[in-house]
Amino acid sequence: MVMTASAMLELGTAFPDFHLKDTRGELVSTTSFKGQPILLVFMCNHCPFVQHIREGFVKLAKEYQDRGVAVLGINSNINPEYPEDSLKKMVEYAQKYSYPFPYLIDDDQCVARAFHAACTPDFFLFDQGHKLVYRGQMDDSRPGNDVPVTGNDLRKALDSVLRGDSVAGNQKPSLGCNIKWCPGNEPEYFSD
């Protein structure tokens, strides 16, 4: 497993528009979330870093959706070398783990490139005006480090947005498996 850090997209960046299908075949458009904060995570099925935080993230997602935050999961690892991340497996995982959010398919990896996503999981929080206010880690927990999954960093950012406060600028990059770019599709911000 190659540990990769977030590319840390510039704060204040506008939410890139996209239209992606979810695991039910429904089209999800960014225009559906006007006036709502949006929490987006690049994730996949096979990554041990995602598996490590999955239960805690599902709990966090349910909690903040109930408070008005739109939560989206995107899988950009649609790569024949990673069959565990296929659409069929995405459907299975979304059902098995009761994902309360749309699990979207970025099969051409254009959305990952637009967000400068680098790893799984890679979190991005946009305020009600859809400006980037947080990017980075969920918390300090990683597979094998014995730190509990709390979502502390992400929760602080979400709570600030919901209160209308500014989000602290000392943000730590997420760490995880690199996005499995299709050959020739590696963006310039990404390096092995």
C-alpha atoms as a PDB file:
ATOM      1  CA  MET A   1       0.000   0.000   0.000  1.00  0.00           C
ATOM      2  CA  VAL A   2       1.399   3.382  -1.039  1.00  0.00           C
ATOM      3  CA  MET A   3       0.632   6.105   1.512  1.00  0.00           C
ATOM      4  CA  THR A   4      -0.201   9.358  -0.248  1.00  0.00           C
ATOM      5  CA  ALA A   5      -1.143  12.753   1.227  1.00  0.00           C
ATOM      6  CA  SER A   6      -3.856  15.123   0.051  1.00  0.00           C
ATOM      7  CA  ALA A   7      -2.812  17.654  -2.566  1.00  0.00           C
ATOM      8  CA  MET A   8      -4.506  20.368  -0.423  1.00  0.00           C
ATOM      9  CA  LEU A   9      -6.555  22.294  -2.994  1.00  0.00           C
ATOM     10  CA  GLU A  10      -6.475  26.040  -2.305  1.00  0.00           C
ATOM     11  CA  LEU A  11      -9.007  27.238   0.276  1.00  0.00           C
ATOM     12  CA  GLY A  12     -11.701  29.457  -1.242  1.00  0.00           C
ATOM     13  CA  THR A  13     -11.844  27.384  -4.434  1.00  0.00           C
ATOM     14  CA  ALA A  14     -15.371  27.232  -5.886  1.00  0.00           C
ATOM     15  CA  PHE A  15     -17.071  23.837  -5.914  1.00  0.00           C
ATOM     16  CA  PRO A  16     -16.402  22.338  -9.369  1.00  0.00           C
ATOM     17  CA  ASP A  17     -19.627  21.478 -11.203  1.00  0.00           C
ATOM     18  CA  PHE A  18     -20.233  17.858 -12.100  1.00  0.00           C
ATOM     19  CA  HIS A  19     -22.958  15.382 -12.959  1.00  0.00           C
ATOM     20  CA  LEU A  20     -22.262  11.797 -11.900  1.00  0.00           C
ATOM     21  CA  LYS A  21     -24.349   8.653 -11.546  1.00  0.00           C
ATOM     22  CA  ASP A  22     -24.677   6.959  -8.197  1.00  0.00           C
ATOM     23  CA  THR A  23     -24.866   3.240  -7.429  1.00  0.00           C
ATOM     24  CA  ARG A  24     -28.629   3.261  -8.146  1.00  0.00           C
ATOM     25  CA  GLY A  25     -28.080   4.748 -11.612  1.00  0.00           C
ATOM     26  CA  GLU A  26     -29.480   8.146 -10.598  1.00  0.00           C
ATOM     27  CA  LEU A  27     -27.773  11.301 -11.832  1.00  0.00           C
ATOM     28  CA  VAL A  28     -26.483  13.569  -9.066  1.00  0.00           C
ATOM     29  CA  SER A  29     -25.738  17.165  -9.967  1.00  0.00           C
ATOM     30  CA  THR A  30     -23.952  19.745  -7.868  1.00  0.00           C
ATOM     31  CA  THR A  31     -26.763  22.177  -8.640  1.00  0.00           C
ATOM     32  CA  SER A  32     -29.022  20.054  -6.420  1.00  0.00           C
ATOM     33  CA  PHE A  33     -27.329  21.420  -3.278  1.00  0.00           C
ATOM     34  CA  LYS A  34     -27.808  25.190  -3.535  1.00  0.00           C
ATOM     35  CA  GLY A  35     -27.437  26.889  -0.177  1.00  0.00           C
ATOM     36  CA  GLN A  36     -26.263  23.706   1.554  1.00  0.00           C
ATOM     37  CA  PRO A  37     -22.788  22.977   2.829  1.00  0.00           C
ATOM     38  CA  ILE A  38     -21.289  20.026   0.939  1.00  0.00           C
ATOM     39  CA  LEU A  39     -18.954  17.413   2.380  1.00  0.00           C
ATOM     40  CA  LEU A  40     -17.369  15.316  -0.326  1.00  0.00           C
ATOM     41  CA  VAL A  41     -15.034  12.374   0.162  1.00  0.00           C
ATOM     42  CA  PHE A  42     -13.045  10.552  -2.476  1.00  0.00           C
ATOM     43  CA  MET A  43     -13.166   6.933  -1.386  1.00  0.00           C
ATOM     44  CA  CYS A  44     -13.135   3.407  -2.722  1.00  0.00           C
ATOM     45  CA  ASN A  45     -13.844  -0.117  -1.528  1.00  0.00           C
ATOM     46  CA  HIS A  46     -10.427  -1.769  -1.341  1.00  0.00           C
ATOM     47  CA  CYS A  47      -8.351   0.895   0.443  1.00  0.00           C
ATOM     48  CA  PRO A  48      -7.381  -0.096   4.016  1.00  0.00           C
ATOM     49  CA  PHE A  49      -7.460   3.588   5.043  1.00  0.00           C
ATOM     50  CA  VAL A  50     -11.091   3.889   3.907  1.00  0.00           C
ATOM     51  CA  GLN A  51     -11.960   0.553   5.509  1.00  0.00           C
ATOM     52  CA  HIS A  52     -10.402   1.803   8.755  1.00  0.00           C
ATOM     53  CA  ILE A  53     -12.628   4.916   8.979  1.00  0.00           C
ATOM     54  CA  ARG A  54     -15.727   3.579   7.188  1.00  0.00           C
ATOM     55  CA  GLU A  55     -17.913   2.899  10.238  1.00  0.00           C
ATOM     56  CA  GLY A  56     -17.022   6.222  11.867  1.00  0.00           C
ATOM     57  CA  PHE A  57     -17.534   8.134   8.634  1.00  0.00           C
ATOM     58  CA  VAL A  58     -20.961   6.584   7.996  1.00  0.00           C
ATOM     59  CA  LYS A  59     -21.988   7.617  11.522  1.00  0.00           C
ATOM     60  CA  LEU A  60     -20.605  11.150  10.999  1.00  0.00           C
ATOM     61  CA  ALA A  61     -22.336  11.428   7.602  1.00  0.00           C
ATOM     62  CA  LYS A  62     -25.734  10.480   9.052  1.00  0.00           C
ATOM     63  CA  GLU A  63     -25.319  12.959  11.910  1.00  0.00           C
ATOM     64  CA  TYR A  64     -24.397  15.905   9.693  1.00  0.00           C
ATOM     65  CA  GLN A  65     -26.917  15.092   6.970  1.00  0.00           C
ATOM     66  CA  ASP A  66     -29.573  15.400   9.677  1.00  0.00           C
ATOM     67  CA  ARG A  67     -28.152  18.878  10.342  1.00  0.00           C
ATOM     68  CA  GLY A  68     -28.449  19.967   6.688  1.00  0.00           C
ATOM     69  CA  VAL A  69     -25.061  19.054   5.196  1.00  0.00           C
ATOM     70  CA  ALA A  70     -25.061  17.353   1.788  1.00  0.00           C
ATOM     71  CA  VAL A  71     -22.653  14.399   1.912  1.00  0.00           C
ATOM     72  CA  LEU A  72     -21.276  12.735  -1.222  1.00  0.00           C
ATOM     73  CA  GLY A  73     -18.866   9.827  -1.724  1.00  0.00           C
ATOM     74  CA  ILE A  74     -16.998   9.543  -5.027  1.00  0.00           C
ATOM     75  CA  ASN A  75     -15.081   6.539  -6.325  1.00  0.00           C
ATOM     76  CA  SER A  76     -12.523   7.512  -8.963  1.00  0.00           C
ATOM     77  CA  ASN A  77     -10.731   4.151  -8.835  1.00  0.00           C
ATOM     78  CA  ILE A  78     -12.624   2.718 -11.776  1.00  0.00           C
ATOM     79  CA  ASN A  79      -9.604   0.855 -13.044  1.00  0.00           C
ATOM     80  CA  PRO A  80      -9.596  -2.712 -14.431  1.00  0.00           C
ATOM     81  CA  GLU A  81      -6.634  -3.568 -12.191  1.00  0.00           C
ATOM     82  CA  TYR A  82      -8.814  -2.964  -9.097  1.00  0.00           C
ATOM     83  CA  PRO A  83     -11.952  -5.114  -9.513  1.00  0.00           C
ATOM     84  CA  GLU A  84     -12.928  -4.553  -5.855  1.00  0.00           C
ATOM     85  CA  ASP A  85     -13.706  -0.942  -6.837  1.00  0.00           C
ATOM     86  CA  SER A  86     -16.005  -1.847  -9.744  1.00  0.00           C
ATOM     87  CA  LEU A  87     -19.559  -0.521 -10.015  1.00  0.00           C
ATOM     88  CA  LYS A  88     -20.922  -3.939  -9.053  1.00  0.00           C
ATOM     89  CA  LYS A  89     -18.840  -3.935  -5.869  1.00  0.00           C
ATOM     90  CA  MET A  90     -19.755  -0.293  -5.161  1.00  0.00           C
ATOM     91  CA  VAL A  91     -23.431  -1.289  -5.157  1.00  0.00           C
ATOM     92  CA  GLU A  92     -22.658  -4.151  -2.760  1.00  0.00           C
ATOM     93  CA  TYR A  93     -20.623  -1.946  -0.395  1.00  0.00           C
ATOM     94  CA  ALA A  94     -23.205   0.867  -0.372  1.00  0.00           C
ATOM     95  CA  GLN A  95     -25.866  -1.648   0.694  1.00  0.00           C
ATOM     96  CA  LYS A  96     -23.701  -3.680   3.067  1.00  0.00           C
ATOM     97  CA  TYR A  97     -22.462  -0.631   4.992  1.00  0.00           C
ATOM     98  CA  SER A  98     -25.729   1.355   4.730  1.00  0.00           C
ATOM     99  CA  TYR A  99     -24.180   4.410   3.110  1.00  0.00           C
ATOM    100  CA  PRO A 100     -26.587   7.267   3.849  1.00  0.00           C
ATOM    101  CA  PHE A 101     -25.069   9.355   1.043  1.00  0.00           C
ATOM    102  CA  PRO A 102     -24.918   8.939  -2.731  1.00  0.00           C
ATOM    103  CA  TYR A 103     -21.873   6.862  -3.744  1.00  0.00           C
ATOM    104  CA  LEU A 104     -20.887   8.317  -7.113  1.00  0.00           C
ATOM    105  CA  ILE A 105     -18.936   6.851 -10.009  1.00  0.00           C
ATOM    106  CA  ASP A 106     -16.176   8.997 -11.536  1.00  0.00           C
ATOM    107  CA  ASP A 107     -15.337   6.539 -14.301  1.00  0.00           C
ATOM    108  CA  ASP A 108     -13.278   8.953 -16.409  1.00  0.00           C
ATOM    109  CA  GLN A 109     -11.554  10.446 -13.322  1.00  0.00           C
ATOM    110  CA  CYS A 110     -12.370  14.008 -14.444  1.00  0.00           C
ATOM    111  CA  VAL A 111     -13.964  14.917 -11.118  1.00  0.00           C
ATOM    112  CA  ALA A 112     -10.952  13.686  -9.140  1.00  0.00           C
ATOM    113  CA  ARG A 113      -8.748  15.838 -11.352  1.00  0.00           C
ATOM    114  CA  ALA A 114     -11.011  18.890 -10.884  1.00  0.00           C
ATOM    115  CA  PHE A 115     -10.735  18.572  -7.085  1.00  0.00           C
ATOM    116  CA  HIS A 116      -7.004  17.722  -7.154  1.00  0.00           C
ATOM    117  CA  ALA A 117      -7.876  14.564  -5.252  1.00  0.00           C
ATOM    118  CA  ALA A 118      -4.827  12.456  -4.513  1.00  0.00           C
ATOM    119  CA  CYS A 119      -5.767   9.739  -2.053  1.00  0.00           C
ATOM    120  CA  THR A 120      -8.539   7.721  -0.479  1.00  0.00           C
ATOM    121  CA  PRO A 121      -9.995   8.997   1.724  1.00  0.00           C
ATOM    122  CA  ASP A 122      -9.629  12.645   0.689  1.00  0.00           C
ATOM    123  CA  PHE A 123     -12.144  15.050   2.293  1.00  0.00           C
ATOM    124  CA  PHE A 124     -13.401  18.405   0.968  1.00  0.00           C
ATOM    125  CA  LEU A 125     -15.865  20.663   2.813  1.00  0.00           C
ATOM    126  CA  PHE A 126     -17.592  23.540   1.060  1.00  0.00           C
ATOM    127  CA  ASP A 127     -19.661  26.176   2.853  1.00  0.00           C
ATOM    128  CA  GLN A 128     -23.212  27.251   1.953  1.00  0.00           C
ATOM    129  CA  GLY A 129     -21.799  29.457  -0.823  1.00  0.00           C
ATOM    130  CA  HIS A 130     -19.871  26.426  -2.142  1.00  0.00           C
ATOM    131  CA  LYS A 131     -16.408  27.799  -1.396  1.00  0.00           C
ATOM    132  CA  LEU A 132     -13.794  25.358  -0.079  1.00  0.00           C
ATOM    133  CA  VAL A 133     -13.256  25.883   3.650  1.00  0.00           C
ATOM    134  CA  TYR A 134     -11.657  22.579   4.658  1.00  0.00           C
ATOM    135  CA  ARG A 135      -9.637  19.860   2.952  1.00  0.00           C
ATOM    136  CA  GLY A 136      -7.643  17.137   4.554  1.00  0.00           C
ATOM    137  CA  GLN A 137      -8.024  14.434   7.152  1.00  0.00           C
ATOM    138  CA  MET A 138     -10.983  13.147   9.114  1.00  0.00           C
ATOM    139  CA  ASP A 139      -8.782  12.771  12.213  1.00  0.00           C
ATOM    140  CA  ASP A 140      -5.379  11.427  13.271  1.00  0.00           C
ATOM    141  CA  SER A 141      -6.439   7.749  13.175  1.00  0.00           C
ATOM    142  CA  ARG A 142      -4.691   5.478  10.675  1.00  0.00           C
ATOM    143  CA  PRO A 143      -4.616   1.704  10.318  1.00  0.00           C
ATOM    144  CA  GLY A 144      -2.328   0.326  13.008  1.00  0.00           C
ATOM    145  CA  ASN A 145      -1.653   3.530  14.982  1.00  0.00           C
ATOM    146  CA  ASP A 146      -4.133   2.730  17.809  1.00  0.00           C
ATOM    147  CA  VAL A 147      -5.678   6.221  17.649  1.00  0.00           C
ATOM    148  CA  PRO A 148      -9.491   5.929  17.788  1.00  0.00           C
ATOM    149  CA  VAL A 149     -11.582   7.105  14.836  1.00  0.00           C
ATOM    150  CA  THR A 150     -13.377  10.213  16.119  1.00  0.00           C
ATOM    151  CA  GLY A 151     -13.721  12.435  13.054  1.00  0.00           C
ATOM    152  CA  ASN A 152     -12.460  15.241  15.291  1.00  0.00           C
ATOM    153  CA  ASP A 153     -10.835  17.414  12.591  1.00  0.00           C
ATOM    154  CA  LEU A 154     -13.764  17.079  10.215  1.00  0.00           C
ATOM    155  CA  ARG A 155     -16.338  17.618  12.992  1.00  0.00           C
ATOM    156  CA  LYS A 156     -14.673  20.878  14.064  1.00  0.00           C
ATOM    157  CA  ALA A 157     -14.788  22.143  10.478  1.00  0.00           C
ATOM    158  CA  LEU A 158     -18.413  21.043   9.980  1.00  0.00           C
ATOM    159  CA  ASP A 159     -19.512  22.624  13.261  1.00  0.00           C
ATOM    160  CA  SER A 160     -17.812  25.903  12.316  1.00  0.00           C
ATOM    161  CA  VAL A 161     -19.575  25.980   8.947  1.00  0.00           C
ATOM    162  CA  LEU A 162     -22.956  25.242  10.516  1.00  0.00           C
ATOM    163  CA  ARG A 163     -22.448  28.037  13.082  1.00  0.00           C
ATOM    164  CA  GLY A 164     -21.420  30.445  10.321  1.00  0.00           C
ATOM    165  CA  ASP A 165     -17.897  30.746  11.741  1.00  0.00           C
ATOM    166  CA  SER A 166     -14.683  30.612   9.751  1.00  0.00           C
ATOM    167  CA  VAL A 167     -12.869  27.276   9.733  1.00  0.00           C
ATOM    168  CA  ALA A 168      -9.418  27.100  11.306  1.00  0.00           C
ATOM    169  CA  GLY A 169      -6.636  27.315   8.740  1.00  0.00           C
ATOM    170  CA  ASN A 170      -4.272  24.766  10.329  1.00  0.00           C
ATOM    171  CA  GLN A 171      -5.521  21.782   8.346  1.00  0.00           C
ATOM    172  CA  LYS A 172      -3.670  18.479   8.105  1.00  0.00           C
ATOM    173  CA  PRO A 173      -3.629  16.546   4.837  1.00  0.00           C
ATOM    174  CA  SER A 174      -5.452  13.270   4.682  1.00  0.00           C
ATOM    175  CA  LEU A 175      -3.304  10.188   4.216  1.00  0.00           C
ATOM    176  CA  GLY A 176      -4.373   7.122   2.313  1.00  0.00           C
ATOM    177  CA  CYS A 177      -3.881   5.007  -0.769  1.00  0.00           C
ATOM    178  CA  ASN A 178      -3.177   6.929  -3.954  1.00  0.00           C
ATOM    179  CA  ILE A 179      -5.987   7.213  -6.469  1.00  0.00           C
ATOM    180  CA  LYS A 180      -5.474   4.510  -9.067  1.00  0.00           C
ATOM    181  CA  TRP A 181      -5.104   6.672 -12.152  1.00  0.00           C
ATOM    182  CA  CYS A 182      -5.675   5.015 -15.492  1.00  0.00           C
ATOM    183  CA  PRO A 183      -2.481   4.945 -17.585  1.00  0.00           C
ATOM    184  CA  GLY A 184      -1.808   8.328 -19.129  1.00  0.00           C
ATOM    185  CA  ASN A 185      -4.426  10.010 -16.937  1.00  0.00           C
ATOM    186  CA  GLU A 186      -2.162  11.005 -14.026  1.00  0.00           C
ATOM    187  CA  PRO A 187      -2.620  14.710 -13.283  1.00  0.00           C
ATOM    188  CA  GLU A 188       0.350  17.033 -12.978  1.00  0.00           C
ATOM    189  CA  TYR A 189      -0.260  17.596  -9.231  1.00  0.00           C
ATOM    190  CA  PHE A 190       0.099  13.869  -8.545  1.00  0.00           C
ATOM    191  CA  SER A 191       3.355  11.967  -8.323  1.00  0.00           C
ATOM    192  CA  ASP A 192       4.175   8.479  -7.051  1.00  0.00           C
END
